[in-house]
PDB file of N, CA and C in Angstrom:
ATOM      1  N   UNK A   1     136.530  89.930   7.121  1.00  0.00           N
ATOM      2  CA  UNK A   1     136.077  88.853   7.346  1.00  0.00           C
ATOM      3  C   UNK A   1     136.626  87.405   6.805  1.00  0.00           C
ATOM      4  N   UNK A   2     136.922  86.637   7.926  1.00  0.00           N
ATOM      5  CA  UNK A   2     136.920  85.325   7.021  1.00  0.00           C
ATOM      6  C   UNK A   2     136.197  84.249   7.811  1.00  0.00           C
ATOM      7  N   UNK A   3     136.249  82.944   6.944  1.00  0.00           N
ATOM      8  CA  UNK A   3     134.982  81.832   7.320  1.00  0.00           C
ATOM      9  C   UNK A   3     135.566  81.751   8.587  1.00  0.00           C
ATOM     10  N   UNK A   4     134.781  80.983   9.075  1.00  0.00           N
ATOM     11  CA  UNK A   4     134.529  80.290  10.570  1.00  0.00           C
ATOM     12  C   UNK A   4     135.705  79.310  11.263  1.00  0.00           C
ATOM     13  N   UNK A   5     136.924  78.657  10.121  1.00  0.00           N
ATOM     14  CA  UNK A   5     137.517  77.558  10.430  1.00  0.00           C
ATOM     15  C   UNK A   5     137.554  76.471  11.734  1.00  0.00           C
ATOM     16  N   UNK A   6     137.772  77.498  12.744  1.00  0.00           N
ATOM     17  CA  UNK A   6     138.303  76.995  13.950  1.00  0.00           C
ATOM     18  C   UNK A   6     137.346  77.928  15.182  1.00  0.00           C
ATOM     19  N   UNK A   7     136.007  78.558  14.855  1.00  0.00           N
ATOM     20  CA  UNK A   7     135.235  78.921  16.034  1.00  0.00           C
ATOM     21  C   UNK A   7     134.908  78.807  17.067  1.00  0.00           C
ATOM     22  N   UNK A   8     136.006  77.560  17.267  1.00  0.00           N
ATOM     23  CA  UNK A   8     136.427  77.623  19.234  1.00  0.00           C
ATOM     24  C   UNK A   8     136.457  78.515  19.666  1.00  0.00           C
ATOM     25  N   UNK A   9     137.823  78.980  18.943  1.00  0.00           N
ATOM     26  CA  UNK A   9     138.348  80.159  19.853  1.00  0.00           C
ATOM     27  C   UNK A   9     137.439  81.473  19.724  1.00  0.00           C
ATOM     28  N   UNK A  10     136.233  81.627  19.073  1.00  0.00           N
ATOM     29  CA  UNK A  10     135.354  82.780  19.291  1.00  0.00           C
ATOM     30  C   UNK A  10     134.275  82.946  20.449  1.00  0.00           C
ATOM     31  N   UNK A  11     134.730  81.567  21.526  1.00  0.00           N
ATOM     32  CA  UNK A  11     133.699  81.622  22.263  1.00  0.00           C
ATOM     33  C   UNK A  11     133.653  83.193  23.523  1.00  0.00           C
ATOM     34  N   UNK A  12     132.601  83.565  23.622  1.00  0.00           N
ATOM     35  CA  UNK A  12     132.504  84.383  24.437  1.00  0.00           C
ATOM     36  C   UNK A  12     132.717  85.940  23.434  1.00  0.00           C
ATOM     37  N   UNK A  13     132.669  85.415  22.158  1.00  0.00           N
ATOM     38  CA  UNK A  13     132.320  86.752  21.393  1.00  0.00           C
ATOM     39  C   UNK A  13     131.201  87.404  21.400  1.00  0.00           C
ATOM     40  N   UNK A  14     130.365  88.937  20.950  1.00  0.00           N
ATOM     41  CA  UNK A  14     129.496  88.785  19.909  1.00  0.00           C
ATOM     42  C   UNK A  14     128.896  87.712  19.200  1.00  0.00           C
ATOM     43  N   UNK A  15     127.421  87.699  19.102  1.00  0.00           N
ATOM     44  CA  UNK A  15     127.295  86.971  17.522  1.00  0.00           C
ATOM     45  C   UNK A  15     126.363  88.333  17.323  1.00  0.00           C
ATOM     46  N   UNK A  16     126.523  87.975  15.492  1.00  0.00           N
ATOM     47  CA  UNK A  16     125.738  89.398  14.975  1.00  0.00           C
ATOM     48  C   UNK A  16     124.613  88.992  14.088  1.00  0.00           C
ATOM     49  N   UNK A  17     123.650  89.249  13.033  1.00  0.00           N
ATOM     50  CA  UNK A  17     122.670  89.074  12.447  1.00  0.00           C
ATOM     51  C   UNK A  17     124.047  89.337  10.645  1.00  0.00           C
ATOM     52  N   UNK A  18     123.386  88.892  10.327  1.00  0.00           N
ATOM     53  CA  UNK A  18     123.934  89.594   8.606  1.00  0.00           C
ATOM     54  C   UNK A  18     123.666  91.029   8.515  1.00  0.00           C
ATOM     55  N   UNK A  19     122.708  91.932   9.902  1.00  0.00           N
ATOM     56  CA  UNK A  19     122.693  93.387   9.206  1.00  0.00           C
ATOM     57  C   UNK A  19     123.019  93.743   9.996  1.00  0.00           C
ATOM     58  N   UNK A  20     124.158  93.322  11.269  1.00  0.00           N
ATOM     59  CA  UNK A  20     124.882  93.030  12.536  1.00  0.00           C
ATOM     60  C   UNK A  20     124.398  93.725  13.376  1.00  0.00           C
ATOM     61  N   UNK A  21     122.874  93.536  13.626  1.00  0.00           N
ATOM     62  CA  UNK A  21     122.302  93.524  15.068  1.00  0.00           C
ATOM     63  C   UNK A  21     123.178  92.435  16.315  1.00  0.00           C
ATOM     64  N   UNK A  22     122.960  92.880  17.223  1.00  0.00           N
ATOM     65  CA  UNK A  22     123.519  91.571  17.990  1.00  0.00           C
ATOM     66  C   UNK A  22     123.037  90.713  18.181  1.00  0.00           C
ATOM     67  N   UNK A  23     123.169  89.601  18.471  1.00  0.00           N
ATOM     68  CA  UNK A  23     122.000  88.884  18.805  1.00  0.00           C
ATOM     69  C   UNK A  23     122.487  87.932  20.369  1.00  0.00           C
ATOM     70  N   UNK A  24     123.828  87.879  20.813  1.00  0.00           N
ATOM     71  CA  UNK A  24     123.928  87.466  21.895  1.00  0.00           C
ATOM     72  C   UNK A  24     125.519  87.172  22.354  1.00  0.00           C
ATOM     73  N   UNK A  25     126.302  86.435  22.611  1.00  0.00           N
ATOM     74  CA  UNK A  25     127.314  86.297  22.668  1.00  0.00           C
ATOM     75  C   UNK A  25     127.724  84.674  22.738  1.00  0.00           C
ATOM     76  N   UNK A  26     128.469  83.932  21.932  1.00  0.00           N
ATOM     77  CA  UNK A  26     128.741  82.626  21.612  1.00  0.00           C
ATOM     78  C   UNK A  26     129.062  81.726  22.575  1.00  0.00           C
ATOM     79  N   UNK A  27     128.307  80.945  23.235  1.00  0.00           N
ATOM     80  CA  UNK A  27     128.902  80.298  24.596  1.00  0.00           C
ATOM     81  C   UNK A  27     128.885  78.277  24.622  1.00  0.00           C
ATOM     82  N   UNK A  28     128.372  77.896  23.024  1.00  0.00           N
ATOM     83  CA  UNK A  28     128.857  76.201  23.056  1.00  0.00           C
ATOM     84  C   UNK A  28     128.818  76.448  21.376  1.00  0.00           C
ATOM     85  N   UNK A  29     129.673  74.935  21.500  1.00  0.00           N
ATOM     86  CA  UNK A  29     129.391  74.755  20.243  1.00  0.00           C
ATOM     87  C   UNK A  29     129.009  73.202  20.106  1.00  0.00           C
ATOM     88  N   UNK A  30     127.798  73.132  18.740  1.00  0.00           N
ATOM     89  CA  UNK A  30     127.279  71.500  18.672  1.00  0.00           C
ATOM     90  C   UNK A  30     127.774  71.234  17.021  1.00  0.00           C
ATOM     91  N   UNK A  31     128.764  69.989  17.262  1.00  0.00           N
ATOM     92  CA  UNK A  31     129.075  69.443  15.959  1.00  0.00           C
ATOM     93  C   UNK A  31     127.838  68.044  15.684  1.00  0.00           C
ATOM     94  N   UNK A  32     128.138  67.950  14.276  1.00  0.00           N
ATOM     95  CA  UNK A  32     127.759  67.028  13.357  1.00  0.00           C
ATOM     96  C   UNK A  32     127.964  65.826  14.079  1.00  0.00           C
ATOM     97  N   UNK A  33     127.361  64.685  14.574  1.00  0.00           N
ATOM     98  CA  UNK A  33     128.414  63.862  14.947  1.00  0.00           C
ATOM     99  C   UNK A  33     128.388  62.585  13.732  1.00  0.00           C
ATOM    100  N   UNK A  34     127.514  62.539  12.248  1.00  0.00           N
ATOM    101  CA  UNK A  34     128.288  62.127  11.460  1.00  0.00           C
ATOM    102  C   UNK A  34     129.336  62.977  10.142  1.00  0.00           C
ATOM    103  N   UNK A  35     129.716  63.996  10.608  1.00  0.00           N
ATOM    104  CA  UNK A  35     130.342  64.606   9.718  1.00  0.00           C
ATOM    105  C   UNK A  35     131.607  65.778  10.561  1.00  0.00           C
ATOM    106  N   UNK A  36     131.332  65.323  12.152  1.00  0.00           N
ATOM    107  CA  UNK A  36     132.090  66.183  12.764  1.00  0.00           C
ATOM    108  C   UNK A  36     132.883  67.457  12.310  1.00  0.00           C
ATOM    109  N   UNK A  37     132.064  68.156  12.125  1.00  0.00           N
ATOM    110  CA  UNK A  37     132.023  69.698  11.956  1.00  0.00           C
ATOM    111  C   UNK A  37     131.204  69.954  12.832  1.00  0.00           C
ATOM    112  N   UNK A  38     131.087  71.640  13.091  1.00  0.00           N
ATOM    113  CA  UNK A  38     130.755  72.421  14.175  1.00  0.00           C
ATOM    114  C   UNK A  38     128.932  72.967  13.019  1.00  0.00           C
ATOM    115  N   UNK A  39     128.504  72.757  13.599  1.00  0.00           N
ATOM    116  CA  UNK A  39     126.616  72.561  12.659  1.00  0.00           C
ATOM    117  C   UNK A  39     126.002  73.922  13.467  1.00  0.00           C
ATOM    118  N   UNK A  40     126.267  73.557  14.752  1.00  0.00           N
ATOM    119  CA  UNK A  40     125.130  75.033  15.446  1.00  0.00           C
ATOM    120  C   UNK A  40     126.156  75.526  16.770  1.00  0.00           C
ATOM    121  N   UNK A  41     125.852  76.734  17.079  1.00  0.00           N
ATOM    122  CA  UNK A  41     126.296  77.542  18.527  1.00  0.00           C
ATOM    123  C   UNK A  41     125.482  76.980  19.481  1.00  0.00           C
ATOM    124  N   UNK A  42     125.377  77.442  20.429  1.00  0.00           N
ATOM    125  CA  UNK A  42     124.749  78.294  21.439  1.00  0.00           C
ATOM    126  C   UNK A  42     124.335  79.717  21.718  1.00  0.00           C
ATOM    127  N   UNK A  43     123.959  80.625  21.887  1.00  0.00           N
ATOM    128  CA  UNK A  43     124.118  81.609  21.955  1.00  0.00           C
ATOM    129  C   UNK A  43     123.090  82.321  22.930  1.00  0.00           C
ATOM    130  N   UNK A  44     124.263  82.770  24.278  1.00  0.00           N
ATOM    131  CA  UNK A  44     123.456  83.691  25.542  1.00  0.00           C
ATOM    132  C   UNK A  44     122.539  84.618  24.946  1.00  0.00           C
ATOM    133  N   UNK A  45     121.516  84.819  25.409  1.00  0.00           N
ATOM    134  CA  UNK A  45     120.789  85.922  24.333  1.00  0.00           C
ATOM    135  C   UNK A  45     120.259  86.246  26.244  1.00  0.00           C
ATOM    136  N   UNK A  46     118.731  87.682  25.989  1.00  0.00           N
ATOM    137  CA  UNK A  46     118.404  88.125  26.701  1.00  0.00           C
ATOM    138  C   UNK A  46     118.938  89.156  27.878  1.00  0.00           C
ATOM    139  N   UNK A  47     118.270  89.503  28.864  1.00  0.00           N
ATOM    140  CA  UNK A  47     118.948  90.246  29.868  1.00  0.00           C
ATOM    141  C   UNK A  47     119.075  89.826  31.138  1.00  0.00           C
ATOM    142  N   UNK A  48     119.856  90.593  32.142  1.00  0.00           N
ATOM    143  CA  UNK A  48     120.248  89.947  33.505  1.00  0.00           C
ATOM    144  C   UNK A  48     118.754  89.541  34.129  1.00  0.00           C
ATOM    145  N   UNK A  49     119.207  88.318  34.746  1.00  0.00           N
ATOM    146  CA  UNK A  49     118.251  87.574  35.232  1.00  0.00           C
ATOM    147  C   UNK A  49     117.203  86.652  34.193  1.00  0.00           C
ATOM    148  N   UNK A  50     117.071  87.048  33.020  1.00  0.00           N
ATOM    149  CA  UNK A  50     116.521  86.003  32.205  1.00  0.00           C
ATOM    150  C   UNK A  50     117.311  86.369  30.544  1.00  0.00           C
ATOM    151  N   UNK A  51     118.334  85.031  31.051  1.00  0.00           N
ATOM    152  CA  UNK A  51     119.331  84.679  30.185  1.00  0.00           C
ATOM    153  C   UNK A  51     118.948  83.328  29.702  1.00  0.00           C
ATOM    154  N   UNK A  52     119.002  82.772  28.592  1.00  0.00           N
ATOM    155  CA  UNK A  52     118.103  81.699  27.642  1.00  0.00           C
ATOM    156  C   UNK A  52     119.864  81.405  26.890  1.00  0.00           C
ATOM    157  N   UNK A  53     119.725  80.360  26.062  1.00  0.00           N
ATOM    158  CA  UNK A  53     120.760  79.696  25.625  1.00  0.00           C
ATOM    159  C   UNK A  53     119.719  79.269  23.878  1.00  0.00           C
ATOM    160  N   UNK A  54     120.320  79.958  22.910  1.00  0.00           N
ATOM    161  CA  UNK A  54     119.523  79.974  21.759  1.00  0.00           C
ATOM    162  C   UNK A  54     120.232  79.126  21.109  1.00  0.00           C
ATOM    163  N   UNK A  55     119.752  78.326  19.741  1.00  0.00           N
ATOM    164  CA  UNK A  55     120.184  77.396  18.718  1.00  0.00           C
ATOM    165  C   UNK A  55     120.670  78.047  17.662  1.00  0.00           C
ATOM    166  N   UNK A  56     121.889  78.503  17.069  1.00  0.00           N
ATOM    167  CA  UNK A  56     122.041  79.367  15.367  1.00  0.00           C
ATOM    168  C   UNK A  56     122.917  78.314  14.590  1.00  0.00           C
ATOM    169  N   UNK A  57     122.561  77.869  13.426  1.00  0.00           N
ATOM    170  CA  UNK A  57     123.196  77.048  12.599  1.00  0.00           C
ATOM    171  C   UNK A  57     123.981  78.041  12.603  1.00  0.00           C
ATOM    172  N   UNK A  58     125.555  77.433  12.043  1.00  0.00           N
ATOM    173  CA  UNK A  58     127.036  78.072  11.710  1.00  0.00           C
ATOM    174  C   UNK A  58     127.085  77.705  10.354  1.00  0.00           C
ATOM    175  N   UNK A  59     126.237  77.501   9.422  1.00  0.00           N
ATOM    176  CA  UNK A  59     126.924  77.169   7.952  1.00  0.00           C
ATOM    177  C   UNK A  59     126.700  78.865   7.301  1.00  0.00           C
ATOM    178  N   UNK A  60     127.962  78.972   6.510  1.00  0.00           N
ATOM    179  CA  UNK A  60     128.653  80.630   6.315  1.00  0.00           C
ATOM    180  C   UNK A  60     128.476  81.173   7.104  1.00  0.00           C
ATOM    181  N   UNK A  61     128.708  80.915   8.347  1.00  0.00           N
ATOM    182  CA  UNK A  61     129.407  82.143   9.708  1.00  0.00           C
ATOM    183  C   UNK A  61     130.721  82.439   8.979  1.00  0.00           C
ATOM    184  N   UNK A  62     131.158  83.731   9.759  1.00  0.00           N
ATOM    185  CA  UNK A  62     132.639  84.255   9.146  1.00  0.00           C
ATOM    186  C   UNK A  62     132.259  85.133  10.645  1.00  0.00           C
ATOM    187  N   UNK A  63     133.961  85.199  11.105  1.00  0.00           N
ATOM    188  CA  UNK A  63     134.155  85.889  12.065  1.00  0.00           C
ATOM    189  C   UNK A  63     135.113  87.194  11.739  1.00  0.00           C
ATOM    190  N   UNK A  64     135.134  88.090  12.515  1.00  0.00           N
ATOM    191  CA  UNK A  64     136.269  89.297  12.792  1.00  0.00           C
ATOM    192  C   UNK A  64     136.320  89.200  13.544  1.00  0.00           C
ATOM    193  N   UNK A  65     137.856  90.104  14.347  1.00  0.00           N
ATOM    194  CA  UNK A  65     138.305  90.433  15.494  1.00  0.00           C
ATOM    195  C   UNK A  65     137.730  90.468  16.831  1.00  0.00           C
ATOM    196  N   UNK A  66     135.818  90.747  16.627  1.00  0.00           N
ATOM    197  CA  UNK A  66     135.563  91.687  17.144  1.00  0.00           C
ATOM    198  C   UNK A  66     133.615  90.184  17.748  1.00  0.00           C
ATOM    199  N   UNK A  67     133.389  89.714  16.675  1.00  0.00           N
ATOM    200  CA  UNK A  67     132.447  89.079  16.387  1.00  0.00           C
ATOM    201  C   UNK A  67     132.308  88.277  15.390  1.00  0.00           C
ATOM    202  N   UNK A  68     131.407  87.084  15.798  1.00  0.00           N
ATOM    203  CA  UNK A  68     130.874  86.200  14.528  1.00  0.00           C
ATOM    204  C   UNK A  68     129.220  86.579  14.345  1.00  0.00           C
ATOM    205  N   UNK A  69     129.748  86.813  12.603  1.00  0.00           N
ATOM    206  CA  UNK A  69     128.236  87.520  11.962  1.00  0.00           C
ATOM    207  C   UNK A  69     127.639  85.699  11.323  1.00  0.00           C
ATOM    208  N   UNK A  70     126.201  85.233  11.578  1.00  0.00           N
ATOM    209  CA  UNK A  70     125.671  84.442  11.061  1.00  0.00           C
ATOM    210  C   UNK A  70     124.763  84.625  10.160  1.00  0.00           C
ATOM    211  N   UNK A  71     124.064  83.603   8.731  1.00  0.00           N
ATOM    212  CA  UNK A  71     123.220  83.848   8.515  1.00  0.00           C
ATOM    213  C   UNK A  71     122.028  84.275   8.527  1.00  0.00           C
ATOM    214  N   UNK A  72     121.108  83.949   9.512  1.00  0.00           N
ATOM    215  CA  UNK A  72     120.009  84.053  10.203  1.00  0.00           C
ATOM    216  C   UNK A  72     119.997  85.711  10.627  1.00  0.00           C
ATOM    217  N   UNK A  73     118.155  85.947  10.555  1.00  0.00           N
ATOM    218  CA  UNK A  73     118.502  87.081  10.880  1.00  0.00           C
ATOM    219  C   UNK A  73     118.064  86.847  12.757  1.00  0.00           C
ATOM    220  N   UNK A  74     118.062  88.074  13.240  1.00  0.00           N
ATOM    221  CA  UNK A  74     117.768  88.298  14.822  1.00  0.00           C
ATOM    222  C   UNK A  74     116.292  87.509  15.305  1.00  0.00           C
ATOM    223  N   UNK A  75     115.911  88.146  14.202  1.00  0.00           N
ATOM    224  CA  UNK A  75     113.943  87.860  14.898  1.00  0.00           C
ATOM    225  C   UNK A  75     114.116  86.410  14.944  1.00  0.00           C
ATOM    226  N   UNK A  76     114.476  85.579  13.595  1.00  0.00           N
ATOM    227  CA  UNK A  76     114.458  84.235  13.652  1.00  0.00           C
ATOM    228  C   UNK A  76     115.213  83.319  14.455  1.00  0.00           C
ATOM    229  N   UNK A  77     116.437  84.023  14.937  1.00  0.00           N
ATOM    230  CA  UNK A  77     117.130  83.656  16.260  1.00  0.00           C
ATOM    231  C   UNK A  77     116.808  83.581  17.365  1.00  0.00           C
ATOM    232  N   UNK A  78     115.883  84.603  17.446  1.00  0.00           N
ATOM    233  CA  UNK A  78     115.161  85.349  19.200  1.00  0.00           C
ATOM    234  C   UNK A  78     113.925  83.859  19.227  1.00  0.00           C
ATOM    235  N   UNK A  79     113.707  83.386  18.028  1.00  0.00           N
ATOM    236  CA  UNK A  79     112.010  82.435  18.435  1.00  0.00           C
ATOM    237  C   UNK A  79     112.751  81.055  18.208  1.00  0.00           C
ATOM    238  N   UNK A  80     114.279  80.943  18.400  1.00  0.00           N
ATOM    239  CA  UNK A  80     114.578  79.495  18.061  1.00  0.00           C
ATOM    240  C   UNK A  80     114.355  78.877  19.140  1.00  0.00           C
ATOM    241  N   UNK A  81     114.447  77.359  18.992  1.00  0.00           N
ATOM    242  CA  UNK A  81     114.688  76.498  20.187  1.00  0.00           C
ATOM    243  C   UNK A  81     115.425  77.026  21.508  1.00  0.00           C
ATOM    244  N   UNK A  82     115.408  76.528  22.098  1.00  0.00           N
ATOM    245  CA  UNK A  82     116.445  76.827  23.409  1.00  0.00           C
ATOM    246  C   UNK A  82     115.964  76.199  24.475  1.00  0.00           C
ATOM    247  N   UNK A  83     117.159  76.788  25.697  1.00  0.00           N
ATOM    248  CA  UNK A  83     117.802  75.406  27.192  1.00  0.00           C
ATOM    249  C   UNK A  83     118.020  77.031  28.117  1.00  0.00           C
ATOM    250  N   UNK A  84     118.097  76.319  29.438  1.00  0.00           N
ATOM    251  CA  UNK A  84     118.531  77.281  30.255  1.00  0.00           C
ATOM    252  C   UNK A  84     119.628  77.058  30.293  1.00  0.00           C
ATOM    253  N   UNK A  85     120.439  77.897  30.676  1.00  0.00           N
ATOM    254  CA  UNK A  85     122.097  78.288  30.969  1.00  0.00           C
ATOM    255  C   UNK A  85     122.661  77.112  31.312  1.00  0.00           C
ATOM    256  N   UNK A  86     121.803  76.524  31.995  1.00  0.00           N
ATOM    257  CA  UNK A  86     122.380  75.711  32.977  1.00  0.00           C
ATOM    258  C   UNK A  86     122.169  73.805  32.296  1.00  0.00           C
ATOM    259  N   UNK A  87     121.303  73.953  31.099  1.00  0.00           N
ATOM    260  CA  UNK A  87     120.886  72.540  30.711  1.00  0.00           C
ATOM    261  C   UNK A  87     121.083  71.891  29.521  1.00  0.00           C
ATOM    262  N   UNK A  88     120.932  70.898  29.457  1.00  0.00           N
ATOM    263  CA  UNK A  88     121.256  70.210  28.134  1.00  0.00           C
ATOM    264  C   UNK A  88     120.031  70.025  27.121  1.00  0.00           C
ATOM    265  N   UNK A  89     121.150  69.558  25.283  1.00  0.00           N
ATOM    266  CA  UNK A  89     120.438  69.166  24.470  1.00  0.00           C
ATOM    267  C   UNK A  89     119.727  67.865  24.897  1.00  0.00           C
ATOM    268  N   UNK A  90     118.509  67.541  24.548  1.00  0.00           N
ATOM    269  CA  UNK A  90     117.855  66.013  25.106  1.00  0.00           C
ATOM    270  C   UNK A  90     117.692  65.644  23.596  1.00  0.00           C
ATOM    271  N   UNK A  91     117.961  64.124  23.023  1.00  0.00           N
ATOM    272  CA  UNK A  91     117.678  63.770  21.965  1.00  0.00           C
ATOM    273  C   UNK A  91     116.199  63.955  21.108  1.00  0.00           C
ATOM    274  N   UNK A  92     115.600  64.097  22.358  1.00  0.00           N
ATOM    275  CA  UNK A  92     114.099  64.095  21.779  1.00  0.00           C
ATOM    276  C   UNK A  92     113.938  65.708  21.124  1.00  0.00           C
ATOM    277  N   UNK A  93     114.803  67.022  21.931  1.00  0.00           N
ATOM    278  CA  UNK A  93     114.906  68.079  21.407  1.00  0.00           C
ATOM    279  C   UNK A  93     115.409  68.405  20.142  1.00  0.00           C
ATOM    280  N   UNK A  94     116.423  67.571  19.633  1.00  0.00           N
ATOM    281  CA  UNK A  94     117.409  68.078  18.329  1.00  0.00           C
ATOM    282  C   UNK A  94     116.588  68.325  17.127  1.00  0.00           C
ATOM    283  N   UNK A  95     115.599  67.660  16.761  1.00  0.00           N
ATOM    284  CA  UNK A  95     114.505  67.590  15.541  1.00  0.00           C
ATOM    285  C   UNK A  95     114.096  69.190  15.369  1.00  0.00           C
ATOM    286  N   UNK A  96     113.675  69.369  16.274  1.00  0.00           N
ATOM    287  CA  UNK A  96     112.918  71.000  16.781  1.00  0.00           C
ATOM    288  C   UNK A  96     114.163  72.345  16.144  1.00  0.00           C
ATOM    289  N   UNK A  97     115.215  72.079  16.542  1.00  0.00           N
ATOM    290  CA  UNK A  97     116.152  72.597  15.949  1.00  0.00           C
ATOM    291  C   UNK A  97     116.569  73.263  14.861  1.00  0.00           C
ATOM    292  N   UNK A  98     116.777  71.441  13.622  1.00  0.00           N
ATOM    293  CA  UNK A  98     116.549  71.874  12.736  1.00  0.00           C
ATOM    294  C   UNK A  98     115.115  72.031  11.830  1.00  0.00           C
ATOM    295  N   UNK A  99     114.360  71.644  12.307  1.00  0.00           N
ATOM    296  CA  UNK A  99     113.274  72.217  11.902  1.00  0.00           C
ATOM    297  C   UNK A  99     112.484  73.611  11.777  1.00  0.00           C
ATOM    298  N   UNK A 100     113.423  74.367  12.769  1.00  0.00           N
ATOM    299  CA  UNK A 100     112.778  75.604  12.986  1.00  0.00           C
ATOM    300  C   UNK A 100     113.819  76.626  11.903  1.00  0.00           C
ATOM    301  N   UNK A 101     114.610  75.776  11.482  1.00  0.00           N
ATOM    302  CA  UNK A 101     115.760  76.599  10.418  1.00  0.00           C
ATOM    303  C   UNK A 101     115.344  75.875   9.092  1.00  0.00           C
ATOM    304  N   UNK A 102     114.331  74.902   9.128  1.00  0.00           N
ATOM    305  CA  UNK A 102     114.331  74.200   7.906  1.00  0.00           C
ATOM    306  C   UNK A 102     115.172  73.881   7.280  1.00  0.00           C
ATOM    307  N   UNK A 103     115.989  73.231   8.270  1.00  0.00           N
ATOM    308  CA  UNK A 103     116.620  71.826   8.009  1.00  0.00           C
ATOM    309  C   UNK A 103     116.611  70.121   7.762  1.00  0.00           C
ATOM    310  N   UNK A 104     116.997  69.808   7.317  1.00  0.00           N
ATOM    311  CA  UNK A 104     116.616  68.548   7.501  1.00  0.00           C
ATOM    312  C   UNK A 104     117.880  67.701   8.571  1.00  0.00           C
ATOM    313  N   UNK A 105     116.447  66.822   9.632  1.00  0.00           N
ATOM    314  CA  UNK A 105     117.269  66.035  10.499  1.00  0.00           C
ATOM    315  C   UNK A 105     117.012  64.869  10.494  1.00  0.00           C
ATOM    316  N   UNK A 106     118.170  63.795  10.254  1.00  0.00           N
ATOM    317  CA  UNK A 106     118.490  62.383  10.781  1.00  0.00           C
ATOM    318  C   UNK A 106     119.192  62.158  11.045  1.00  0.00           C
ATOM    319  N   UNK A 107     118.918  60.662  11.998  1.00  0.00           N
ATOM    320  CA  UNK A 107     119.676  60.398  13.348  1.00  0.00           C
ATOM    321  C   UNK A 107     120.591  59.516  12.426  1.00  0.00           C
ATOM    322  N   UNK A 108     121.945  59.315  13.087  1.00  0.00           N
ATOM    323  CA  UNK A 108     122.806  58.546  12.551  1.00  0.00           C
ATOM    324  C   UNK A 108     122.180  57.152  12.138  1.00  0.00           C
ATOM    325  N   UNK A 109     122.559  56.872  11.203  1.00  0.00           N
ATOM    326  CA  UNK A 109     122.791  55.015  11.034  1.00  0.00           C
ATOM    327  C   UNK A 109     122.065  54.014  12.161  1.00  0.00           C
ATOM    328  N   UNK A 110     122.782  53.980  12.910  1.00  0.00           N
ATOM    329  CA  UNK A 110     122.444  53.551  14.016  1.00  0.00           C
ATOM    330  C   UNK A 110     121.231  53.933  15.062  1.00  0.00           C
ATOM    331  N   UNK A 111     120.934  55.278  14.582  1.00  0.00           N
ATOM    332  CA  UNK A 111     119.721  56.044  15.666  1.00  0.00           C
ATOM    333  C   UNK A 111     120.244  56.994  16.620  1.00  0.00           C
ATOM    334  N   UNK A 112     121.721  56.697  16.671  1.00  0.00           N
ATOM    335  CA  UNK A 112     122.669  57.934  17.379  1.00  0.00           C
ATOM    336  C   UNK A 112     121.976  59.500  16.832  1.00  0.00           C
ATOM    337  N   UNK A 113     122.677  60.009  17.855  1.00  0.00           N
ATOM    338  CA  UNK A 113     122.358  61.795  18.114  1.00  0.00           C
ATOM    339  C   UNK A 113     123.160  61.877  17.220  1.00  0.00           C
ATOM    340  N   UNK A 114     122.503  63.003  16.738  1.00  0.00           N
ATOM    341  CA  UNK A 114     123.052  64.010  15.212  1.00  0.00           C
ATOM    342  C   UNK A 114     123.865  65.181  15.837  1.00  0.00           C
ATOM    343  N   UNK A 115     123.287  65.510  17.431  1.00  0.00           N
ATOM    344  CA  UNK A 115     124.592  66.949  17.891  1.00  0.00           C
ATOM    345  C   UNK A 115     125.152  66.417  19.048  1.00  0.00           C
ATOM    346  N   UNK A 116     126.258  66.662  18.826  1.00  0.00           N
ATOM    347  CA  UNK A 116     127.422  66.439  20.566  1.00  0.00           C
ATOM    348  C   UNK A 116     127.703  68.101  20.920  1.00  0.00           C
ATOM    349  N   UNK A 117     128.074  68.197  21.919  1.00  0.00           N
ATOM    350  CA  UNK A 117     128.358  69.571  22.614  1.00  0.00           C
ATOM    351  C   UNK A 117     129.752  69.444  22.613  1.00  0.00           C
ATOM    352  N   UNK A 118     130.580  70.359  22.404  1.00  0.00           N
ATOM    353  CA  UNK A 118     131.953  70.648  22.140  1.00  0.00           C
ATOM    354  C   UNK A 118     132.856  71.742  22.962  1.00  0.00           C
TER     355      UNK A 118
END
């Protein structure tokens, strides 16, 4: 495995936790607007007719030919802030994502949002 330098190439691949348990499928990337690096991914979870997108941090993620491995446990990810498949992340919801994972949330110096989907 290797570090996820160009994680965008892994959209649609399985996402697994450190123990190898499948969490879901990589759907989209959210970049830190201050540093221009992928910081979170949305992962499609659930079952037929009841899917949602949960946010997962990408720090220290690694990729293999078949999956992306993240550092968080499956149970923690399943309880993370989520949105509907056709939803959009509001600026008001950003702090909860960081808080869920024990990460510091700070808006930009001009008050701009922290995450941008790409």
